[in-house]
Structures are given as structure tokens and as C-alpha cells.
C-alpha atoms as a PDB file:
ATOM      1  CA  UNK A   1     -14.702  67.909  42.768  1.00  0.00           C
ATOM      2  CA  UNK A   2     -17.970  69.632  42.268  1.00  0.00           C
ATOM      3  CA  UNK A   3     -21.304  67.740  42.109  1.00  0.00           C
ATOM      4  CA  UNK A   4     -21.660  69.008  38.882  1.00  0.00           C
ATOM      5  CA  UNK A   5     -18.432  67.725  37.568  1.00  0.00           C
ATOM      6  CA  UNK A   6     -19.315  64.196  39.295  1.00  0.00           C
ATOM      7  CA  UNK A   7     -22.661  64.102  37.427  1.00  0.00           C
ATOM      8  CA  UNK A   8     -20.827  64.895  34.180  1.00  0.00           C
ATOM      9  CA  UNK A   9     -18.359  61.830  35.035  1.00  0.00           C
ATOM     10  CA  UNK A  10     -21.204  59.543  35.917  1.00  0.00           C
ATOM     11  CA  UNK A  11     -23.263  60.394  32.813  1.00  0.00           C
ATOM     12  CA  UNK A  12     -20.090  59.976  30.742  1.00  0.00           C
ATOM     13  CA  UNK A  13     -19.189  56.613  32.177  1.00  0.00           C
ATOM     14  CA  UNK A  14     -22.996  55.504  31.708  1.00  0.00           C
ATOM     15  CA  UNK A  15     -22.877  56.414  27.947  1.00  0.00           C
ATOM     16  CA  UNK A  16     -19.486  54.537  27.558  1.00  0.00           C
ATOM     17  CA  UNK A  17     -20.755  51.313  29.405  1.00  0.00           C
ATOM     18  CA  UNK A  18     -24.039  51.708  26.929  1.00  0.00           C
ATOM     19  CA  UNK A  19     -21.869  52.304  23.956  1.00  0.00           C
ATOM     20  CA  UNK A  20     -19.724  49.094  24.879  1.00  0.00           C
ATOM     21  CA  UNK A  21     -22.949  46.886  25.592  1.00  0.00           C
ATOM     22  CA  UNK A  22     -24.299  48.132  22.249  1.00  0.00           C
ATOM     23  CA  UNK A  23     -21.230  47.294  20.790  1.00  0.00           C
ATOM     24  CA  UNK A  24     -20.849  43.750  22.145  1.00  0.00           C
ATOM     25  CA  UNK A  25     -24.282  43.116  21.172  1.00  0.00           C
ATOM     26  CA  UNK A  26     -23.778  44.352  17.559  1.00  0.00           C
ATOM     27  CA  UNK A  27     -20.827  42.060  17.326  1.00  0.00           C
ATOM     28  CA  UNK A  28     -22.763  39.091  18.665  1.00  0.00           C
ATOM     29  CA  UNK A  29     -25.481  39.737  15.790  1.00  0.00           C
ATOM     30  CA  UNK A  30     -23.041  40.043  13.242  1.00  0.00           C
ATOM     31  CA  UNK A  31     -21.144  36.950  14.369  1.00  0.00           C
ATOM     32  CA  UNK A  32     -24.549  35.018  14.408  1.00  0.00           C
ATOM     33  CA  UNK A  33     -24.836  35.949  10.783  1.00  0.00           C
ATOM     34  CA  UNK A  34     -21.444  35.077   9.627  1.00  0.00           C
ATOM     35  CA  UNK A  35     -21.962  31.826   7.394  1.00  0.00           C
ATOM     36  CA  UNK A  36     -18.959  29.101   7.309  1.00  0.00           C
ATOM     37  CA  UNK A  37     -19.280  26.724   4.080  1.00  0.00           C
ATOM     38  CA  UNK A  38     -19.741  23.115   5.064  1.00  0.00           C
ATOM     39  CA  UNK A  39     -18.496  20.938   1.926  1.00  0.00           C
ATOM     40  CA  UNK A  40     -20.189  17.395   1.728  1.00  0.00           C
ATOM     41  CA  UNK A  41     -18.322  15.321  -0.731  1.00  0.00           C
ATOM     42  CA  UNK A  42     -20.147  13.028  -3.431  1.00  0.00           C
ATOM     43  CA  UNK A  43     -19.973   9.375  -1.743  1.00  0.00           C
ATOM     44  CA  UNK A  44     -19.407  10.124   1.593  1.00  0.00           C
ATOM     45  CA  UNK A  45     -21.113   8.060   3.955  1.00  0.00           C
ATOM     46  CA  UNK A  46     -23.434   9.274   6.683  1.00  0.00           C
ATOM     47  CA  UNK A  47     -21.032   8.629   9.256  1.00  0.00           C
ATOM     48  CA  UNK A  48     -18.502  10.908   7.484  1.00  0.00           C
ATOM     49  CA  UNK A  49     -21.240  13.845   6.865  1.00  0.00           C
ATOM     50  CA  UNK A  50     -22.148  13.523  10.655  1.00  0.00           C
ATOM     51  CA  UNK A  51     -18.438  13.922  11.803  1.00  0.00           C
ATOM     52  CA  UNK A  52     -17.784  16.989   9.508  1.00  0.00           C
ATOM     53  CA  UNK A  53     -21.226  18.699  10.503  1.00  0.00           C
ATOM     54  CA  UNK A  54     -20.255  18.259  14.291  1.00  0.00           C
ATOM     55  CA  UNK A  55     -17.036  20.036  13.535  1.00  0.00           C
ATOM     56  CA  UNK A  56     -18.420  22.931  11.404  1.00  0.00           C
ATOM     57  CA  UNK A  57     -21.499  23.361  14.075  1.00  0.00           C
ATOM     58  CA  UNK A  58     -18.640  23.239  17.094  1.00  0.00           C
ATOM     59  CA  UNK A  59     -20.917  20.498  18.660  1.00  0.00           C
ATOM     60  CA  UNK A  60     -19.753  17.306  20.574  1.00  0.00           C
ATOM     61  CA  UNK A  61     -19.345  14.168  18.433  1.00  0.00           C
ATOM     62  CA  UNK A  62     -22.471  12.379  17.778  1.00  0.00           C
ATOM     63  CA  UNK A  63     -24.578  15.102  18.170  1.00  0.00           C
ATOM     64  CA  UNK A  64     -25.569  15.519  14.494  1.00  0.00           C
ATOM     65  CA  UNK A  65     -26.187  11.801  14.175  1.00  0.00           C
ATOM     66  CA  UNK A  66     -28.669  11.876  17.076  1.00  0.00           C
ATOM     67  CA  UNK A  67     -30.249  14.748  15.515  1.00  0.00           C
ATOM     68  CA  UNK A  68     -30.648  13.237  12.041  1.00  0.00           C
ATOM     69  CA  UNK A  69     -32.019   9.906  13.696  1.00  0.00           C
ATOM     70  CA  UNK A  70     -34.653  12.184  15.629  1.00  0.00           C
ATOM     71  CA  UNK A  71     -35.652  14.047  12.412  1.00  0.00           C
ATOM     72  CA  UNK A  72     -36.287  10.521  10.731  1.00  0.00           C
ATOM     73  CA  UNK A  73     -38.506   9.545  13.387  1.00  0.00           C
ATOM     74  CA  UNK A  74     -40.449  12.902  13.437  1.00  0.00           C
ATOM     75  CA  UNK A  75     -40.938  12.692   9.681  1.00  0.00           C
ATOM     76  CA  UNK A  76     -38.793  15.397   8.816  1.00  0.00           C
ATOM     77  CA  UNK A  77     -36.716  14.049   6.253  1.00  0.00           C
ATOM     78  CA  UNK A  78     -39.398  12.277   4.583  1.00  0.00           C
ATOM     79  CA  UNK A  79     -37.410   8.956   4.235  1.00  0.00           C
ATOM     80  CA  UNK A  80     -39.328   6.163   2.557  1.00  0.00           C
ATOM     81  CA  UNK A  81     -40.731   3.334   4.510  1.00  0.00           C
ATOM     82  CA  UNK A  82     -37.952   0.926   3.039  1.00  0.00           C
ATOM     83  CA  UNK A  83     -35.260   3.050   4.917  1.00  0.00           C
ATOM     84  CA  UNK A  84     -36.513   2.223   8.092  1.00  0.00           C
ATOM     85  CA  UNK A  85     -35.214   5.279   9.471  1.00  0.00           C
ATOM     86  CA  UNK A  86     -31.848   5.292   7.987  1.00  0.00           C
ATOM     87  CA  UNK A  87     -31.248   8.693   6.437  1.00  0.00           C
ATOM     88  CA  UNK A  88     -27.820   7.125   4.466  1.00  0.00           C
ATOM     89  CA  UNK A  89     -28.469   8.388   0.740  1.00  0.00           C
ATOM     90  CA  UNK A  90     -30.479  11.359   1.711  1.00  0.00           C
ATOM     91  CA  UNK A  91     -27.798  13.584   3.144  1.00  0.00           C
ATOM     92  CA  UNK A  92     -26.983  15.484  -0.179  1.00  0.00           C
ATOM     93  CA  UNK A  93     -23.485  16.086  -1.152  1.00  0.00           C
ATOM     94  CA  UNK A  94     -23.336  19.791  -1.723  1.00  0.00           C
ATOM     95  CA  UNK A  95     -21.849  23.061  -0.085  1.00  0.00           C
ATOM     96  CA  UNK A  96     -23.848  24.157   2.697  1.00  0.00           C
ATOM     97  CA  UNK A  97     -23.448  27.501   4.522  1.00  0.00           C
ATOM     98  CA  UNK A  98     -24.019  26.980   8.155  1.00  0.00           C
ATOM     99  CA  UNK A  99     -24.155  29.930  10.974  1.00  0.00           C
ATOM    100  CA  UNK A 100     -23.397  30.048  14.521  1.00  0.00           C
ATOM    101  CA  UNK A 101     -26.803  29.149  15.613  1.00  0.00           C
ATOM    102  CA  UNK A 102     -27.728  26.454  12.759  1.00  0.00           C
ATOM    103  CA  UNK A 103     -29.174  23.253  14.690  1.00  0.00           C
ATOM    104  CA  UNK A 104     -27.946  20.057  13.549  1.00  0.00           C
ATOM    105  CA  UNK A 105     -31.304  18.852  12.728  1.00  0.00           C
ATOM    106  CA  UNK A 106     -32.170  22.138  10.590  1.00  0.00           C
ATOM    107  CA  UNK A 107     -28.929  21.284   8.568  1.00  0.00           C
ATOM    108  CA  UNK A 108     -29.675  17.353   8.186  1.00  0.00           C
ATOM    109  CA  UNK A 109     -33.152  18.293   7.063  1.00  0.00           C
ATOM    110  CA  UNK A 110     -31.828  20.865   4.430  1.00  0.00           C
ATOM    111  CA  UNK A 111     -29.563  18.010   3.288  1.00  0.00           C
ATOM    112  CA  UNK A 112     -32.686  15.760   2.732  1.00  0.00           C
ATOM    113  CA  UNK A 113     -34.555  18.365   0.973  1.00  0.00           C
ATOM    114  CA  UNK A 114     -32.020  18.946  -1.258  1.00  0.00           C
ATOM    115  CA  UNK A 115     -31.701  15.080  -2.010  1.00  0.00           C
ATOM    116  CA  UNK A 116     -35.417  15.172  -2.683  1.00  0.00           C
ATOM    117  CA  UNK A 117     -35.093  17.980  -5.449  1.00  0.00           C
ATOM    118  CA  UNK A 118     -32.117  15.842  -6.958  1.00  0.00           C
ATOM    119  CA  UNK A 119     -33.778  12.736  -6.979  1.00  0.00           C
ATOM    120  CA  UNK A 120     -37.133  13.988  -8.370  1.00  0.00           C
ATOM    121  CA  UNK A 121     -34.923  15.894 -11.180  1.00  0.00           C
ATOM    122  CA  UNK A 122     -33.083  12.548 -11.975  1.00  0.00           C
ATOM    123  CA  UNK A 123     -36.282  10.457 -11.888  1.00  0.00           C
ATOM    124  CA  UNK A 124     -34.865   8.341  -9.182  1.00  0.00           C
ATOM    125  CA  UNK A 125     -37.361   8.713  -6.352  1.00  0.00           C
ATOM    126  CA  UNK A 126     -37.670   4.779  -5.773  1.00  0.00           C
ATOM    127  CA  UNK A 127     -35.425   3.632  -2.857  1.00  0.00           C
ATOM    128  CA  UNK A 128     -33.897   0.765  -5.214  1.00  0.00           C
ATOM    129  CA  UNK A 129     -32.585   3.550  -7.446  1.00  0.00           C
ATOM    130  CA  UNK A 130     -31.013   5.307  -4.666  1.00  0.00           C
ATOM    131  CA  UNK A 131     -29.237   2.173  -3.771  1.00  0.00           C
ATOM    132  CA  UNK A 132     -27.869   1.406  -7.135  1.00  0.00           C
ATOM    133  CA  UNK A 133     -26.588   5.185  -7.559  1.00  0.00           C
ATOM    134  CA  UNK A 134     -24.628   4.936  -4.330  1.00  0.00           C
ATOM    135  CA  UNK A 135     -23.079   1.501  -5.487  1.00  0.00           C
ATOM    136  CA  UNK A 136     -22.029   3.265  -8.824  1.00  0.00           C
ATOM    137  CA  UNK A 137     -20.822   6.491  -6.993  1.00  0.00           C
ATOM    138  CA  UNK A 138     -18.459   4.141  -4.864  1.00  0.00           C
ATOM    139  CA  UNK A 139     -17.535   1.720  -7.838  1.00  0.00           C
ATOM    140  CA  UNK A 140     -16.911   4.270 -10.785  1.00  0.00           C
ATOM    141  CA  UNK A 141     -13.406   5.377 -11.286  1.00  0.00           C
ATOM    142  CA  UNK A 142     -14.785   8.377 -12.805  1.00  0.00           C
ATOM    143  CA  UNK A 143     -17.889  10.184 -14.084  1.00  0.00           C
ATOM    144  CA  UNK A 144     -17.592   8.835 -17.527  1.00  0.00           C
ATOM    145  CA  UNK A 145     -17.587   5.375 -16.054  1.00  0.00           C
ATOM    146  CA  UNK A 146     -20.883   5.621 -14.059  1.00  0.00           C
ATOM    147  CA  UNK A 147     -23.271   4.607 -17.023  1.00  0.00           C
ATOM    148  CA  UNK A 148     -21.220   1.428 -17.759  1.00  0.00           C
ATOM    149  CA  UNK A 149     -20.935   0.603 -13.962  1.00  0.00           C
ATOM    150  CA  UNK A 150     -25.003   1.171 -14.226  1.00  0.00           C
ATOM    151  CA  UNK A 151     -25.384  -1.528 -17.126  1.00  0.00           C
ATOM    152  CA  UNK A 152     -23.275  -3.994 -15.152  1.00  0.00           C
ATOM    153  CA  UNK A 153     -25.329  -3.759 -12.302  1.00  0.00           C
ATOM    154  CA  UNK A 154     -28.331  -4.009 -14.344  1.00  0.00           C
ATOM    155  CA  UNK A 155     -26.965  -7.023 -16.321  1.00  0.00           C
ATOM    156  CA  UNK A 156     -26.156  -9.031 -13.253  1.00  0.00           C
ATOM    157  CA  UNK A 157     -29.720  -8.309 -11.413  1.00  0.00           C
ATOM    158  CA  UNK A 158     -31.435  -9.386 -14.638  1.00  0.00           C
ATOM    159  CA  UNK A 159     -29.419 -12.714 -14.558  1.00  0.00           C
ATOM    160  CA  UNK A 160     -29.869 -13.211 -11.138  1.00  0.00           C
ATOM    161  CA  UNK A 161     -25.971 -12.950 -10.357  1.00  0.00           C
ATOM    162  CA  UNK A 162     -24.719 -11.820  -6.853  1.00  0.00           C
ATOM    163  CA  UNK A 163     -23.442  -8.123  -7.741  1.00  0.00           C
ATOM    164  CA  UNK A 164     -19.954  -9.108  -5.867  1.00  0.00           C
ATOM    165  CA  UNK A 165     -19.377  -5.437  -5.178  1.00  0.00           C
ATOM    166  CA  UNK A 166     -16.469  -4.667  -2.852  1.00  0.00           C
ATOM    167  CA  UNK A 167     -17.711  -1.183  -2.068  1.00  0.00           C
ATOM    168  CA  UNK A 168     -20.403  -2.851  -0.225  1.00  0.00           C
ATOM    169  CA  UNK A 169     -18.353  -5.130   1.812  1.00  0.00           C
ATOM    170  CA  UNK A 170     -15.905  -1.806   2.376  1.00  0.00           C
ATOM    171  CA  UNK A 171     -19.471  -0.215   3.990  1.00  0.00           C
ATOM    172  CA  UNK A 172     -20.095  -3.392   6.213  1.00  0.00           C
ATOM    173  CA  UNK A 173     -16.530  -3.282   7.453  1.00  0.00           C
ATOM    174  CA  UNK A 174     -16.770   0.488   7.841  1.00  0.00           C
ATOM    175  CA  UNK A 175     -13.467   0.909   5.624  1.00  0.00           C
ATOM    176  CA  UNK A 176     -12.204   2.165   2.264  1.00  0.00           C
ATOM    177  CA  UNK A 177      -9.720   0.175   0.363  1.00  0.00           C
ATOM    178  CA  UNK A 178      -9.113  -1.356  -2.816  1.00  0.00           C
ATOM    179  CA  UNK A 179      -8.201  -4.789  -1.504  1.00  0.00           C
ATOM    180  CA  UNK A 180     -10.649  -7.141  -0.929  1.00  0.00           C
ATOM    181  CA  UNK A 181      -9.763 -10.779   0.572  1.00  0.00           C
ATOM    182  CA  UNK A 182     -11.600 -13.950   0.138  1.00  0.00           C
ATOM    183  CA  UNK A 183     -12.196 -13.930   3.917  1.00  0.00           C
ATOM    184  CA  UNK A 184     -13.969 -10.606   3.496  1.00  0.00           C
ATOM    185  CA  UNK A 185     -16.126 -12.175   0.684  1.00  0.00           C
ATOM    186  CA  UNK A 186     -17.342 -14.735   3.713  1.00  0.00           C
ATOM    187  CA  UNK A 187     -18.244 -12.026   6.238  1.00  0.00           C
ATOM    188  CA  UNK A 188     -21.961 -12.149   7.689  1.00  0.00           C
ATOM    189  CA  UNK A 189     -23.627  -9.170   6.567  1.00  0.00           C
ATOM    190  CA  UNK A 190     -26.556  -8.307   4.579  1.00  0.00           C
ATOM    191  CA  UNK A 191     -24.060  -5.697   2.651  1.00  0.00           C
ATOM    192  CA  UNK A 192     -21.943  -8.948   1.547  1.00  0.00           C
ATOM    193  CA  UNK A 193     -22.976  -8.547  -2.123  1.00  0.00           C
ATOM    194  CA  UNK A 194     -20.552 -11.666  -2.656  1.00  0.00           C
ATOM    195  CA  UNK A 195     -23.201 -13.983  -0.631  1.00  0.00           C
ATOM    196  CA  UNK A 196     -26.440 -12.257  -0.760  1.00  0.00           C
ATOM    197  CA  UNK A 197     -28.089 -11.961  -4.389  1.00  0.00           C
ATOM    198  CA  UNK A 198     -29.787  -8.565  -5.132  1.00  0.00           C
ATOM    199  CA  UNK A 199     -29.127  -5.067  -3.563  1.00  0.00           C
ATOM    200  CA  UNK A 200     -27.935  -4.415  -0.092  1.00  0.00           C
ATOM    201  CA  UNK A 201     -30.638  -3.330   2.091  1.00  0.00           C
ATOM    202  CA  UNK A 202     -29.938   0.643   2.173  1.00  0.00           C
ATOM    203  CA  UNK A 203     -27.533   3.189   0.080  1.00  0.00           C
ATOM    204  CA  UNK A 204     -23.912   2.606   1.104  1.00  0.00           C
ATOM    205  CA  UNK A 205     -23.161   6.689   0.906  1.00  0.00           C
ATOM    206  CA  UNK A 206     -24.743   9.853  -0.435  1.00  0.00           C
ATOM    207  CA  UNK A 207     -24.507   9.736  -4.505  1.00  0.00           C
ATOM    208  CA  UNK A 208     -24.022  13.052  -6.473  1.00  0.00           C
ATOM    209  CA  UNK A 209     -25.975  14.002  -9.579  1.00  0.00           C
ATOM    210  CA  UNK A 210     -24.015  11.977 -12.243  1.00  0.00           C
ATOM    211  CA  UNK A 211     -24.437   8.997 -10.228  1.00  0.00           C
ATOM    212  CA  UNK A 212     -28.139   9.643 -10.147  1.00  0.00           C
ATOM    213  CA  UNK A 213     -28.366  10.206 -13.648  1.00  0.00           C
ATOM    214  CA  UNK A 214     -26.256   7.215 -14.517  1.00  0.00           C
ATOM    215  CA  UNK A 215     -28.976   4.963 -12.902  1.00  0.00           C
ATOM    216  CA  UNK A 216     -31.642   5.850 -15.247  1.00  0.00           C
ATOM    217  CA  UNK A 217     -29.594   6.104 -18.089  1.00  0.00           C
ATOM    218  CA  UNK A 218     -27.189   3.251 -18.118  1.00  0.00           C
ATOM    219  CA  UNK A 219     -25.051   2.561 -21.241  1.00  0.00           C
ATOM    220  CA  UNK A 220     -25.619  -0.114 -24.025  1.00  0.00           C
ATOM    221  CA  UNK A 221     -23.414  -3.187 -23.573  1.00  0.00           C
ATOM    222  CA  UNK A 222     -23.667  -6.606 -22.331  1.00  0.00           C
ATOM    223  CA  UNK A 223     -20.675  -6.474 -19.552  1.00  0.00           C
ATOM    224  CA  UNK A 224     -20.862  -8.369 -16.552  1.00  0.00           C
ATOM    225  CA  UNK A 225     -17.630  -7.629 -14.908  1.00  0.00           C
ATOM    226  CA  UNK A 226     -15.205  -4.611 -14.505  1.00  0.00           C
ATOM    227  CA  UNK A 227     -12.248  -3.593 -12.722  1.00  0.00           C
ATOM    228  CA  UNK A 228     -10.210  -0.536 -12.440  1.00  0.00           C
ATOM    229  CA  UNK A 229      -6.600  -1.858 -13.059  1.00  0.00           C
ATOM    230  CA  UNK A 230      -5.249   1.652 -12.422  1.00  0.00           C
ATOM    231  CA  UNK A 231      -6.581   4.999 -12.091  1.00  0.00           C
ATOM    232  CA  UNK A 232      -8.200   6.240 -15.223  1.00  0.00           C
ATOM    233  CA  UNK A 233      -8.338   2.670 -16.692  1.00  0.00           C
ATOM    234  CA  UNK A 234     -11.382   0.781 -16.103  1.00  0.00           C
ATOM    235  CA  UNK A 235     -12.110  -2.398 -18.103  1.00  0.00           C
ATOM    236  CA  UNK A 236     -15.343  -4.017 -18.551  1.00  0.00           C
ATOM    237  CA  UNK A 237     -16.043  -7.131 -20.057  1.00  0.00           C
ATOM    238  CA  UNK A 238     -18.824  -9.983 -20.323  1.00  0.00           C
ATOM    239  CA  UNK A 239     -15.960 -12.658 -20.517  1.00  0.00           C
ATOM    240  CA  UNK A 240     -15.103 -13.764 -17.190  1.00  0.00           C
ATOM    241  CA  UNK A 241     -11.401 -15.204 -18.666  1.00  0.00           C
ATOM    242  CA  UNK A 242     -10.899 -11.836 -19.834  1.00  0.00           C
ATOM    243  CA  UNK A 243     -11.727 -10.341 -16.485  1.00  0.00           C
ATOM    244  CA  UNK A 244      -9.520 -12.600 -14.595  1.00  0.00           C
ATOM    245  CA  UNK A 245      -6.539 -11.740 -16.626  1.00  0.00           C
ATOM    246  CA  UNK A 246      -7.306  -8.127 -15.884  1.00  0.00           C
ATOM    247  CA  UNK A 247      -7.855  -8.754 -12.267  1.00  0.00           C
ATOM    248  CA  UNK A 248      -4.394 -10.321 -12.054  1.00  0.00           C
ATOM    249  CA  UNK A 249      -3.106  -7.352 -13.778  1.00  0.00           C
ATOM    250  CA  UNK A 250      -4.686  -5.095 -10.982  1.00  0.00           C
ATOM    251  CA  UNK A 251      -3.197  -7.168  -8.440  1.00  0.00           C
ATOM    252  CA  UNK A 252       0.481  -6.803 -10.071  1.00  0.00           C
ATOM    253  CA  UNK A 253      -0.114  -3.104 -10.151  1.00  0.00           C
ATOM    254  CA  UNK A 254      -1.192  -3.068  -6.414  1.00  0.00           C
ATOM    255  CA  UNK A 255       1.822  -5.295  -5.465  1.00  0.00           C
ATOM    256  CA  UNK A 256       4.155  -2.700  -7.462  1.00  0.00           C
ATOM    257  CA  UNK A 257       2.757   0.286  -5.887  1.00  0.00           C
ATOM    258  CA  UNK A 258       3.067  -0.945  -2.268  1.00  0.00           C
END
């Protein structure tokens, strides 16, 4: 083989290698800019948000939670003093587009910024309103009932009655169920609103815009009790005897559906 031929082959090989390297670089750059949707549902707890974020970002379990705690300590989430560094309620439910190089800290910071925007829009910037909104989000069977649930909460607080919300007990026990036992109502937890009057110490989930709006615009009514007998059938009343009758009907529905 002539030296000229060898140089040509070497040059061709070098060009091919450069083309492959350039192609790989372009592919990595293209992949870096690909976005994937991460859907955070209304009413998800922080623990659910962290788990979904870890999966979307392909990071080990617990990574996003640690990032959120770090961002909270550093003031990046702009949490109120009453939150004591707990991001619950400030991981706003929405669809977030994440890239391969999106960091967990950047993601939770984006969620917090979205939460503050919506809280400002709903005039619900005080921490107590956010806590109430989270209870409304958990308790209302549908958006149409949210303003009524808000009124029940307000009426009970004004009367110095315990809220007695099953959703706060579910939060304390890290579960989701429609059935609350007598034993459940005796658990030792600041989130047990059967034993402790007033609001729980933090939000119990991350509420959406309808719940935030209902907090500041409760329906008019004297209701003190409500029960969702079956999906789409939530009943409100100020009469405890009537409420007990509906609770019995709910229990019957649960037994028949089991």
C-alpha cells in the first residue's frame, strides 16, 4: 500500500471518528433538552410529591426530600416562620416539565414559587389559610362542595369546637382511608383534630386553586357537620341527630360495598 493511500485511509478514519464524536455530543445535547412531564396531583402529600419527583429525575429514593429540606433551611422556598422548615403545602400541584439535568432542588424551588404565586392570587398568603385549604382539599368530595366544607371549618372554629376531621388523622397515620375507628380518634398526635381544638400544626397536603379560593370564599350556612354518604352525595347539616343518621347510612354503604 502506498504512503499516499495510507494517509488517505488515516484521514478518512479520523474524519469518521470526529463525525461519531460530534454525533454523540449532539445526541447528548439533544437528550439534555428533552423534557418529560411530571404531574403533581392536587391533594398529594409532600411524601407523594418526593416519591414522584425521585422517579421522574431518576435519583435514589429520598433525594428530593433531602433537597427540599436543604432548600428550606437555606430560605430558597420562602416558607413562613410558622412552617418551621416543613415544605408541606408549598409543593404546588401542577404539571412540571423536567429535563435530564434538572436538579431536585431546582424542581422543589420551582414548585414553591408556583405555590406563592397562587397563594397571592387567592389572597391566602397567611399560613392558617393554607392549612384550612389543605383540609378542604382532603375532605371535599368534589370542587362544588369545597366552599361548604370551608364554612363548616369556620363555624367550628368560631364555636371553639374540635374540627374532628378524619383527613388529619389519616395524615398523622400516613394513610388514606374512609374509615376512622374510635381507637384512631384517640391517637396521640397534634394532627388528631378530635383530641386537639383548632387547626393542625401544618397543612396536610398540597392544595389546588379551588381549595385555596374556597378558603377565602366560604359558602353561607350554619352547618357544623358533613358526611359523604357515597361519591357525589355529601350532606351538610347543623343538626347532630341528622348527621348521626347519615353516618349510619354511610356505614351501611361501606359494608354493602365491601
